[in-house]
PDB file of N, CA and C in Angstrom:
ATOM      1  N   UNK A   1     -14.087   5.571 -28.697  1.00  0.00           N
ATOM      2  CA  UNK A   1     -15.006   5.297 -27.631  1.00  0.00           C
ATOM      3  C   UNK A   1     -14.696   4.016 -26.908  1.00  0.00           C
ATOM      4  N   UNK A   2     -14.367   2.940 -27.736  1.00  0.00           N
ATOM      5  CA  UNK A   2     -13.979   1.614 -27.164  1.00  0.00           C
ATOM      6  C   UNK A   2     -12.787   1.697 -26.241  1.00  0.00           C
ATOM      7  N   UNK A   3     -11.818   2.547 -26.728  1.00  0.00           N
ATOM      8  CA  UNK A   3     -10.574   2.710 -25.973  1.00  0.00           C
ATOM      9  C   UNK A   3     -10.899   3.309 -24.570  1.00  0.00           C
ATOM     10  N   UNK A   4     -11.722   4.296 -24.592  1.00  0.00           N
ATOM     11  CA  UNK A   4     -12.145   5.019 -23.378  1.00  0.00           C
ATOM     12  C   UNK A   4     -12.814   4.040 -22.409  1.00  0.00           C
ATOM     13  N   UNK A   5     -13.721   3.183 -22.904  1.00  0.00           N
ATOM     14  CA  UNK A   5     -14.389   2.250 -22.051  1.00  0.00           C
ATOM     15  C   UNK A   5     -13.452   1.211 -21.543  1.00  0.00           C
ATOM     16  N   UNK A   6     -12.512   0.701 -22.361  1.00  0.00           N
ATOM     17  CA  UNK A   6     -11.525  -0.221 -21.911  1.00  0.00           C
ATOM     18  C   UNK A   6     -10.600   0.371 -20.808  1.00  0.00           C
ATOM     19  N   UNK A   7     -10.263   1.635 -21.044  1.00  0.00           N
ATOM     20  CA  UNK A   7      -9.433   2.363 -20.070  1.00  0.00           C
ATOM     21  C   UNK A   7     -10.187   2.479 -18.727  1.00  0.00           C
ATOM     22  N   UNK A   8     -11.422   2.879 -18.767  1.00  0.00           N
ATOM     23  CA  UNK A   8     -12.243   3.013 -17.574  1.00  0.00           C
ATOM     24  C   UNK A   8     -12.403   1.659 -16.846  1.00  0.00           C
ATOM     25  N   UNK A   9     -12.581   0.562 -17.577  1.00  0.00           N
ATOM     26  CA  UNK A   9     -12.727  -0.750 -16.968  1.00  0.00           C
ATOM     27  C   UNK A   9     -11.395  -1.157 -16.324  1.00  0.00           C
ATOM     28  N   UNK A  10     -10.291  -0.814 -16.967  1.00  0.00           N
ATOM     29  CA  UNK A  10      -9.023  -1.071 -16.401  1.00  0.00           C
ATOM     30  C   UNK A  10      -8.752  -0.380 -15.113  1.00  0.00           C
ATOM     31  N   UNK A  11      -9.178   0.892 -15.017  1.00  0.00           N
ATOM     32  CA  UNK A  11      -9.106   1.695 -13.763  1.00  0.00           C
ATOM     33  C   UNK A  11      -9.917   1.059 -12.655  1.00  0.00           C
ATOM     34  N   UNK A  12     -11.087   0.623 -12.999  1.00  0.00           N
ATOM     35  CA  UNK A  12     -11.972  -0.012 -12.050  1.00  0.00           C
ATOM     36  C   UNK A  12     -11.399  -1.302 -11.519  1.00  0.00           C
ATOM     37  N   UNK A  13     -10.836  -2.148 -12.467  1.00  0.00           N
ATOM     38  CA  UNK A  13     -10.211  -3.433 -12.057  1.00  0.00           C
ATOM     39  C   UNK A  13      -8.994  -3.146 -11.156  1.00  0.00           C
ATOM     40  N   UNK A  14      -8.173  -2.103 -11.477  1.00  0.00           N
ATOM     41  CA  UNK A  14      -7.009  -1.713 -10.685  1.00  0.00           C
ATOM     42  C   UNK A  14      -7.431  -1.356  -9.303  1.00  0.00           C
ATOM     43  N   UNK A  15      -8.435  -0.480  -9.126  1.00  0.00           N
ATOM     44  CA  UNK A  15      -8.949  -0.025  -7.908  1.00  0.00           C
ATOM     45  C   UNK A  15      -9.484  -1.157  -7.069  1.00  0.00           C
ATOM     46  N   UNK A  16     -10.191  -2.049  -7.653  1.00  0.00           N
ATOM     47  CA  UNK A  16     -10.761  -3.223  -6.921  1.00  0.00           C
ATOM     48  C   UNK A  16      -9.642  -4.203  -6.513  1.00  0.00           C
ATOM     49  N   UNK A  17      -8.636  -4.295  -7.218  1.00  0.00           N
ATOM     50  CA  UNK A  17      -7.550  -5.267  -6.862  1.00  0.00           C
ATOM     51  C   UNK A  17      -6.642  -4.776  -5.874  1.00  0.00           C
ATOM     52  N   UNK A  18      -6.679  -3.481  -5.583  1.00  0.00           N
ATOM     53  CA  UNK A  18      -5.763  -2.885  -4.572  1.00  0.00           C
ATOM     54  C   UNK A  18      -6.233  -3.271  -3.170  1.00  0.00           C
ATOM     55  N   UNK A  19      -5.385  -4.059  -2.450  1.00  0.00           N
ATOM     56  CA  UNK A  19      -5.765  -4.495  -1.134  1.00  0.00           C
ATOM     57  C   UNK A  19      -5.723  -3.386  -0.099  1.00  0.00           C
ATOM     58  N   UNK A  20      -6.545  -3.572   0.989  1.00  0.00           N
ATOM     59  CA  UNK A  20      -6.467  -2.643   2.080  1.00  0.00           C
ATOM     60  C   UNK A  20      -5.352  -3.007   3.125  1.00  0.00           C
ATOM     61  N   UNK A  21      -4.857  -4.259   2.959  1.00  0.00           N
ATOM     62  CA  UNK A  21      -3.733  -4.642   3.832  1.00  0.00           C
ATOM     63  C   UNK A  21      -2.487  -3.900   3.467  1.00  0.00           C
ATOM     64  N   UNK A  22      -1.922  -3.254   4.466  1.00  0.00           N
ATOM     65  CA  UNK A  22      -0.683  -2.514   4.259  1.00  0.00           C
ATOM     66  C   UNK A  22       0.523  -3.410   4.710  1.00  0.00           C
ATOM     67  N   UNK A  23       0.304  -3.969   5.862  1.00  0.00           N
ATOM     68  CA  UNK A  23       1.310  -4.904   6.498  1.00  0.00           C
ATOM     69  C   UNK A  23       0.568  -6.138   6.866  1.00  0.00           C
ATOM     70  N   UNK A  24       1.115  -7.305   6.570  1.00  0.00           N
ATOM     71  CA  UNK A  24       0.647  -8.544   7.040  1.00  0.00           C
ATOM     72  C   UNK A  24       1.882  -9.488   7.172  1.00  0.00           C
ATOM     73  N   UNK A  25       2.443  -9.486   8.337  1.00  0.00           N
ATOM     74  CA  UNK A  25       3.733 -10.131   8.632  1.00  0.00           C
ATOM     75  C   UNK A  25       3.516 -11.119   9.750  1.00  0.00           C
ATOM     76  N   UNK A  26       3.935 -12.327   9.587  1.00  0.00           N
ATOM     77  CA  UNK A  26       3.799 -13.298  10.665  1.00  0.00           C
ATOM     78  C   UNK A  26       5.041 -14.246  10.741  1.00  0.00           C
ATOM     79  N   UNK A  27       5.540 -14.370  11.897  1.00  0.00           N
ATOM     80  CA  UNK A  27       6.658 -15.277  12.260  1.00  0.00           C
ATOM     81  C   UNK A  27       6.219 -16.134  13.384  1.00  0.00           C
ATOM     82  N   UNK A  28       7.139 -17.003  13.821  1.00  0.00           N
ATOM     83  CA  UNK A  28       6.812 -17.924  14.903  1.00  0.00           C
ATOM     84  C   UNK A  28       6.497 -17.109  16.234  1.00  0.00           C
ATOM     85  N   UNK A  29       7.289 -16.159  16.512  1.00  0.00           N
ATOM     86  CA  UNK A  29       7.192 -15.415  17.740  1.00  0.00           C
ATOM     87  C   UNK A  29       6.624 -13.997  17.713  1.00  0.00           C
ATOM     88  N   UNK A  30       6.282 -13.544  16.540  1.00  0.00           N
ATOM     89  CA  UNK A  30       5.682 -12.209  16.362  1.00  0.00           C
ATOM     90  C   UNK A  30       4.856 -12.053  15.122  1.00  0.00           C
ATOM     91  N   UNK A  31       3.903 -11.107  15.148  1.00  0.00           N
ATOM     92  CA  UNK A  31       3.144 -10.783  13.989  1.00  0.00           C
ATOM     93  C   UNK A  31       2.712  -9.331  13.988  1.00  0.00           C
ATOM     94  N   UNK A  32       2.431  -8.788  12.825  1.00  0.00           N
ATOM     95  CA  UNK A  32       1.980  -7.419  12.678  1.00  0.00           C
ATOM     96  C   UNK A  32       1.045  -7.319  11.501  1.00  0.00           C
ATOM     97  N   UNK A  33      -0.089  -6.804  11.693  1.00  0.00           N
ATOM     98  CA  UNK A  33      -1.096  -6.603  10.626  1.00  0.00           C
ATOM     99  C   UNK A  33      -1.604  -5.151  10.633  1.00  0.00           C
ATOM    100  N   UNK A  34      -1.697  -4.590   9.508  1.00  0.00           N
ATOM    101  CA  UNK A  34      -2.212  -3.186   9.380  1.00  0.00           C
ATOM    102  C   UNK A  34      -3.063  -3.039   8.143  1.00  0.00           C
ATOM    103  N   UNK A  35      -4.239  -2.347   8.299  1.00  0.00           N
ATOM    104  CA  UNK A  35      -5.134  -2.089   7.204  1.00  0.00           C
ATOM    105  C   UNK A  35      -5.468  -0.649   7.153  1.00  0.00           C
ATOM    106  N   UNK A  36      -5.904  -0.181   5.980  1.00  0.00           N
ATOM    107  CA  UNK A  36      -6.326   1.218   5.827  1.00  0.00           C
ATOM    108  C   UNK A  36      -5.728   1.875   4.616  1.00  0.00           C
ATOM    109  N   UNK A  37      -5.574   3.123   4.668  1.00  0.00           N
ATOM    110  CA  UNK A  37      -4.939   3.903   3.584  1.00  0.00           C
ATOM    111  C   UNK A  37      -3.672   4.502   4.098  1.00  0.00           C
ATOM    112  N   UNK A  38      -2.551   4.042   3.624  1.00  0.00           N
ATOM    113  CA  UNK A  38      -1.271   4.471   4.082  1.00  0.00           C
ATOM    114  C   UNK A  38      -1.133   5.960   3.970  1.00  0.00           C
ATOM    115  N   UNK A  39      -0.658   6.624   5.027  1.00  0.00           N
ATOM    116  CA  UNK A  39      -0.536   8.086   4.991  1.00  0.00           C
ATOM    117  C   UNK A  39      -1.762   8.832   5.284  1.00  0.00           C
ATOM    118  N   UNK A  40      -2.861   8.137   5.477  1.00  0.00           N
ATOM    119  CA  UNK A  40      -4.156   8.824   5.717  1.00  0.00           C
ATOM    120  C   UNK A  40      -4.686   8.264   7.016  1.00  0.00           C
ATOM    121  N   UNK A  41      -5.113   7.066   7.128  1.00  0.00           N
ATOM    122  CA  UNK A  41      -5.640   6.484   8.351  1.00  0.00           C
ATOM    123  C   UNK A  41      -5.509   4.932   8.275  1.00  0.00           C
ATOM    124  N   UNK A  42      -4.935   4.326   9.332  1.00  0.00           N
ATOM    125  CA  UNK A  42      -4.771   2.950   9.404  1.00  0.00           C
ATOM    126  C   UNK A  42      -5.104   2.439  10.767  1.00  0.00           C
ATOM    127  N   UNK A  43      -5.465   1.173  10.854  1.00  0.00           N
ATOM    128  CA  UNK A  43      -5.661   0.556  12.143  1.00  0.00           C
ATOM    129  C   UNK A  43      -4.872  -0.794  12.067  1.00  0.00           C
ATOM    130  N   UNK A  44      -4.385  -1.255  13.163  1.00  0.00           N
ATOM    131  CA  UNK A  44      -3.674  -2.508  13.164  1.00  0.00           C
ATOM    132  C   UNK A  44      -3.401  -3.125  14.472  1.00  0.00           C
ATOM    133  N   UNK A  45      -2.671  -4.172  14.424  1.00  0.00           N
ATOM    134  CA  UNK A  45      -2.289  -4.836  15.675  1.00  0.00           C
ATOM    135  C   UNK A  45      -1.001  -5.592  15.504  1.00  0.00           C
ATOM    136  N   UNK A  46      -0.249  -5.686  16.608  1.00  0.00           N
ATOM    137  CA  UNK A  46       0.928  -6.521  16.616  1.00  0.00           C
ATOM    138  C   UNK A  46       0.981  -7.248  17.931  1.00  0.00           C
ATOM    139  N   UNK A  47       1.742  -8.361  17.843  1.00  0.00           N
ATOM    140  CA  UNK A  47       1.912  -9.172  19.064  1.00  0.00           C
ATOM    141  C   UNK A  47       3.253  -9.854  18.937  1.00  0.00           C
ATOM    142  N   UNK A  48       3.681 -10.265  20.146  1.00  0.00           N
ATOM    143  CA  UNK A  48       4.966 -11.017  20.225  1.00  0.00           C
ATOM    144  C   UNK A  48       4.990 -11.900  21.473  1.00  0.00           C
ATOM    145  N   UNK A  49       5.857 -12.872  21.446  1.00  0.00           N
ATOM    146  CA  UNK A  49       6.051 -13.724  22.650  1.00  0.00           C
ATOM    147  C   UNK A  49       7.386 -13.366  23.285  1.00  0.00           C
ATOM    148  N   UNK A  50       7.368 -12.968  24.490  1.00  0.00           N
ATOM    149  CA  UNK A  50       8.566 -12.535  25.201  1.00  0.00           C
ATOM    150  C   UNK A  50       9.415 -13.764  25.576  1.00  0.00           C
ATOM    151  N   UNK A  51      10.640 -13.540  25.886  1.00  0.00           N
ATOM    152  CA  UNK A  51      11.564 -14.732  26.235  1.00  0.00           C
ATOM    153  C   UNK A  51      10.988 -15.504  27.473  1.00  0.00           C
ATOM    154  N   UNK A  52      10.162 -14.879  28.316  1.00  0.00           N
ATOM    155  CA  UNK A  52       9.631 -15.591  29.440  1.00  0.00           C
ATOM    156  C   UNK A  52       8.398 -16.387  29.114  1.00  0.00           C
ATOM    157  N   UNK A  53       7.967 -16.382  27.835  1.00  0.00           N
ATOM    158  CA  UNK A  53       6.826 -17.138  27.350  1.00  0.00           C
ATOM    159  C   UNK A  53       5.528 -16.379  27.333  1.00  0.00           C
ATOM    160  N   UNK A  54       5.463 -15.169  27.895  1.00  0.00           N
ATOM    161  CA  UNK A  54       4.164 -14.452  27.881  1.00  0.00           C
ATOM    162  C   UNK A  54       3.977 -13.870  26.513  1.00  0.00           C
ATOM    163  N   UNK A  55       2.688 -13.835  26.067  1.00  0.00           N
ATOM    164  CA  UNK A  55       2.348 -13.269  24.748  1.00  0.00           C
ATOM    165  C   UNK A  55       1.713 -11.898  24.996  1.00  0.00           C
ATOM    166  N   UNK A  56       2.149 -10.850  24.312  1.00  0.00           N
ATOM    167  CA  UNK A  56       1.738  -9.537  24.452  1.00  0.00           C
ATOM    168  C   UNK A  56       1.133  -9.059  23.116  1.00  0.00           C
ATOM    169  N   UNK A  57       0.157  -8.192  23.170  1.00  0.00           N
ATOM    170  CA  UNK A  57      -0.495  -7.658  21.942  1.00  0.00           C
ATOM    171  C   UNK A  57      -0.867  -6.159  22.157  1.00  0.00           C
ATOM    172  N   UNK A  58      -0.843  -5.475  20.979  1.00  0.00           N
ATOM    173  CA  UNK A  58      -1.188  -4.050  21.055  1.00  0.00           C
ATOM    174  C   UNK A  58      -2.124  -3.882  19.788  1.00  0.00           C
ATOM    175  N   UNK A  59      -3.301  -3.174  19.977  1.00  0.00           N
ATOM    176  CA  UNK A  59      -4.142  -2.786  18.851  1.00  0.00           C
ATOM    177  C   UNK A  59      -4.080  -1.226  18.818  1.00  0.00           C
ATOM    178  N   UNK A  60      -3.979  -0.694  17.651  1.00  0.00           N
ATOM    179  CA  UNK A  60      -3.818   0.746  17.551  1.00  0.00           C
ATOM    180  C   UNK A  60      -4.532   1.318  16.327  1.00  0.00           C
ATOM    181  N   UNK A  61      -4.623   2.689  16.403  1.00  0.00           N
ATOM    182  CA  UNK A  61      -5.186   3.466  15.260  1.00  0.00           C
ATOM    183  C   UNK A  61      -4.194   4.618  14.993  1.00  0.00           C
ATOM    184  N   UNK A  62      -3.965   4.870  13.815  1.00  0.00           N
ATOM    185  CA  UNK A  62      -3.077   6.045  13.387  1.00  0.00           C
ATOM    186  C   UNK A  62      -3.796   6.762  12.246  1.00  0.00           C
ATOM    187  N   UNK A  63      -4.076   8.034  12.606  1.00  0.00           N
ATOM    188  CA  UNK A  63      -4.825   8.868  11.635  1.00  0.00           C
ATOM    189  C   UNK A  63      -4.387  10.264  11.865  1.00  0.00           C
ATOM    190  N   UNK A  64      -5.213  11.292  11.413  1.00  0.00           N
ATOM    191  CA  UNK A  64      -4.871  12.659  11.514  1.00  0.00           C
ATOM    192  C   UNK A  64      -4.778  13.146  12.918  1.00  0.00           C
ATOM    193  N   UNK A  65      -5.248  12.327  13.874  1.00  0.00           N
ATOM    194  CA  UNK A  65      -5.180  12.703  15.308  1.00  0.00           C
ATOM    195  C   UNK A  65      -3.952  12.023  15.994  1.00  0.00           C
ATOM    196  N   UNK A  66      -3.199  11.329  15.228  1.00  0.00           N
ATOM    197  CA  UNK A  66      -2.008  10.747  15.727  1.00  0.00           C
ATOM    198  C   UNK A  66      -2.111   9.229  15.964  1.00  0.00           C
ATOM    199  N   UNK A  67      -1.112   8.658  16.626  1.00  0.00           N
ATOM    200  CA  UNK A  67      -1.025   7.208  16.953  1.00  0.00           C
ATOM    201  C   UNK A  67      -1.634   6.979  18.316  1.00  0.00           C
ATOM    202  N   UNK A  68      -2.632   6.093  18.406  1.00  0.00           N
ATOM    203  CA  UNK A  68      -3.285   5.820  19.651  1.00  0.00           C
ATOM    204  C   UNK A  68      -3.446   4.324  19.836  1.00  0.00           C
ATOM    205  N   UNK A  69      -3.053   3.914  20.993  1.00  0.00           N
ATOM    206  CA  UNK A  69      -3.221   2.507  21.420  1.00  0.00           C
ATOM    207  C   UNK A  69      -4.672   2.358  21.888  1.00  0.00           C
ATOM    208  N   UNK A  70      -5.419   1.364  21.272  1.00  0.00           N
ATOM    209  CA  UNK A  70      -6.809   1.163  21.620  1.00  0.00           C
ATOM    210  C   UNK A  70      -6.924   0.088  22.679  1.00  0.00           C
ATOM    211  N   UNK A  71      -6.101  -0.915  22.626  1.00  0.00           N
ATOM    212  CA  UNK A  71      -6.131  -2.001  23.541  1.00  0.00           C
ATOM    213  C   UNK A  71      -4.691  -2.655  23.604  1.00  0.00           C
ATOM    214  N   UNK A  72      -4.340  -3.055  24.813  1.00  0.00           N
ATOM    215  CA  UNK A  72      -3.032  -3.767  24.913  1.00  0.00           C
ATOM    216  C   UNK A  72      -3.014  -4.541  26.256  1.00  0.00           C
ATOM    217  N   UNK A  73      -2.050  -5.347  26.377  1.00  0.00           N
ATOM    218  CA  UNK A  73      -1.757  -6.096  27.629  1.00  0.00           C
ATOM    219  C   UNK A  73      -0.299  -5.927  27.971  1.00  0.00           C
ATOM    220  N   UNK A  74       0.331  -4.905  27.489  1.00  0.00           N
ATOM    221  CA  UNK A  74       1.779  -4.733  27.637  1.00  0.00           C
ATOM    222  C   UNK A  74       2.059  -3.941  28.967  1.00  0.00           C
ATOM    223  N   UNK A  75       1.453  -2.811  29.146  1.00  0.00           N
ATOM    224  CA  UNK A  75       1.720  -2.014  30.323  1.00  0.00           C
ATOM    225  C   UNK A  75       0.690  -2.400  31.459  1.00  0.00           C
ATOM    226  N   UNK A  76       1.183  -2.719  32.626  1.00  0.00           N
ATOM    227  CA  UNK A  76       0.258  -3.054  33.731  1.00  0.00           C
ATOM    228  C   UNK A  76      -0.663  -1.951  34.029  1.00  0.00           C
ATOM    229  N   UNK A  77      -1.888  -2.236  34.338  1.00  0.00           N
ATOM    230  CA  UNK A  77      -2.882  -1.212  34.638  1.00  0.00           C
ATOM    231  C   UNK A  77      -2.653  -0.662  36.104  1.00  0.00           C
ATOM    232  N   UNK A  78      -2.839   0.595  36.241  1.00  0.00           N
ATOM    233  CA  UNK A  78      -2.552   1.302  37.561  1.00  0.00           C
ATOM    234  C   UNK A  78      -3.870   1.313  38.297  1.00  0.00           C
ATOM    235  N   UNK A  79      -3.742   1.452  39.631  1.00  0.00           N
ATOM    236  CA  UNK A  79      -4.918   1.638  40.433  1.00  0.00           C
ATOM    237  C   UNK A  79      -5.548   2.996  40.037  1.00  0.00           C
ATOM    238  N   UNK A  80      -6.778   3.165  40.412  1.00  0.00           N
ATOM    239  CA  UNK A  80      -7.454   4.438  40.175  1.00  0.00           C
ATOM    240  C   UNK A  80      -6.765   5.560  40.917  1.00  0.00           C
ATOM    241  N   UNK A  81      -6.724   6.749  40.316  1.00  0.00           N
ATOM    242  CA  UNK A  81      -6.120   7.883  40.976  1.00  0.00           C
ATOM    243  C   UNK A  81      -6.891   8.441  42.167  1.00  0.00           C
ATOM    244  N   UNK A  82      -8.085   7.856  42.379  1.00  0.00           N
ATOM    245  CA  UNK A  82      -8.935   8.393  43.529  1.00  0.00           C
ATOM    246  C   UNK A  82      -8.342   7.862  44.817  1.00  0.00           C
ATOM    247  N   UNK A  83      -8.009   8.775  45.738  1.00  0.00           N
ATOM    248  CA  UNK A  83      -7.361   8.337  47.001  1.00  0.00           C
ATOM    249  C   UNK A  83      -8.409   7.561  47.837  1.00  0.00           C
ATOM    250  N   UNK A  84      -7.843   6.581  48.587  1.00  0.00           N
ATOM    251  CA  UNK A  84      -8.666   5.832  49.431  1.00  0.00           C
ATOM    252  C   UNK A  84      -9.012   6.593  50.682  1.00  0.00           C
ATOM    253  N   UNK A  85     -10.208   6.425  51.278  1.00  0.00           N
ATOM    254  CA  UNK A  85     -10.632   7.145  52.486  1.00  0.00           C
ATOM    255  C   UNK A  85      -9.693   6.755  53.631  1.00  0.00           C
ATOM    256  N   UNK A  86      -9.312   7.762  54.371  1.00  0.00           N
ATOM    257  CA  UNK A  86      -8.472   7.566  55.501  1.00  0.00           C
ATOM    258  C   UNK A  86      -9.355   7.328  56.791  1.00  0.00           C
ATOM    259  N   UNK A  87      -8.942   6.411  57.676  1.00  0.00           N
ATOM    260  CA  UNK A  87      -9.637   6.201  58.881  1.00  0.00           C
ATOM    261  C   UNK A  87      -9.405   7.308  59.869  1.00  0.00           C
ATOM    262  N   UNK A  88     -10.486   7.880  60.449  1.00  0.00           N
ATOM    263  CA  UNK A  88     -10.393   8.974  61.418  1.00  0.00           C
ATOM    264  C   UNK A  88     -10.695   8.307  62.807  1.00  0.00           C
ATOM    265  N   UNK A  89      -9.728   8.385  63.748  1.00  0.00           N
ATOM    266  CA  UNK A  89      -9.928   7.822  65.086  1.00  0.00           C
ATOM    267  C   UNK A  89     -10.310   8.917  66.052  1.00  0.00           C
ATOM    268  N   UNK A  90     -10.901   9.985  65.656  1.00  0.00           N
ATOM    269  CA  UNK A  90     -11.229  11.051  66.576  1.00  0.00           C
ATOM    270  C   UNK A  90     -12.410  10.716  67.440  1.00  0.00           C
TER     271      UNK A  90
END
């Protein structure tokens, strides 16, 4: 019985010690952090400084629905697809 209790406590300690960080990488000009359960669902963000000095970042989610960017400043935003009203000179 003591062995079983010690084994159970060992499993609990192992589960508690397992970090949710999957990736935590940082350099002078770039970084990447990811948390979650690898192969199941993760969320993370990465950023870098371009040669022109601009800093870019991307926040994402990857799960059973695929990889989705939640927030970024990498791709310029487009105007609305709603056409502007044309002037009628009739």
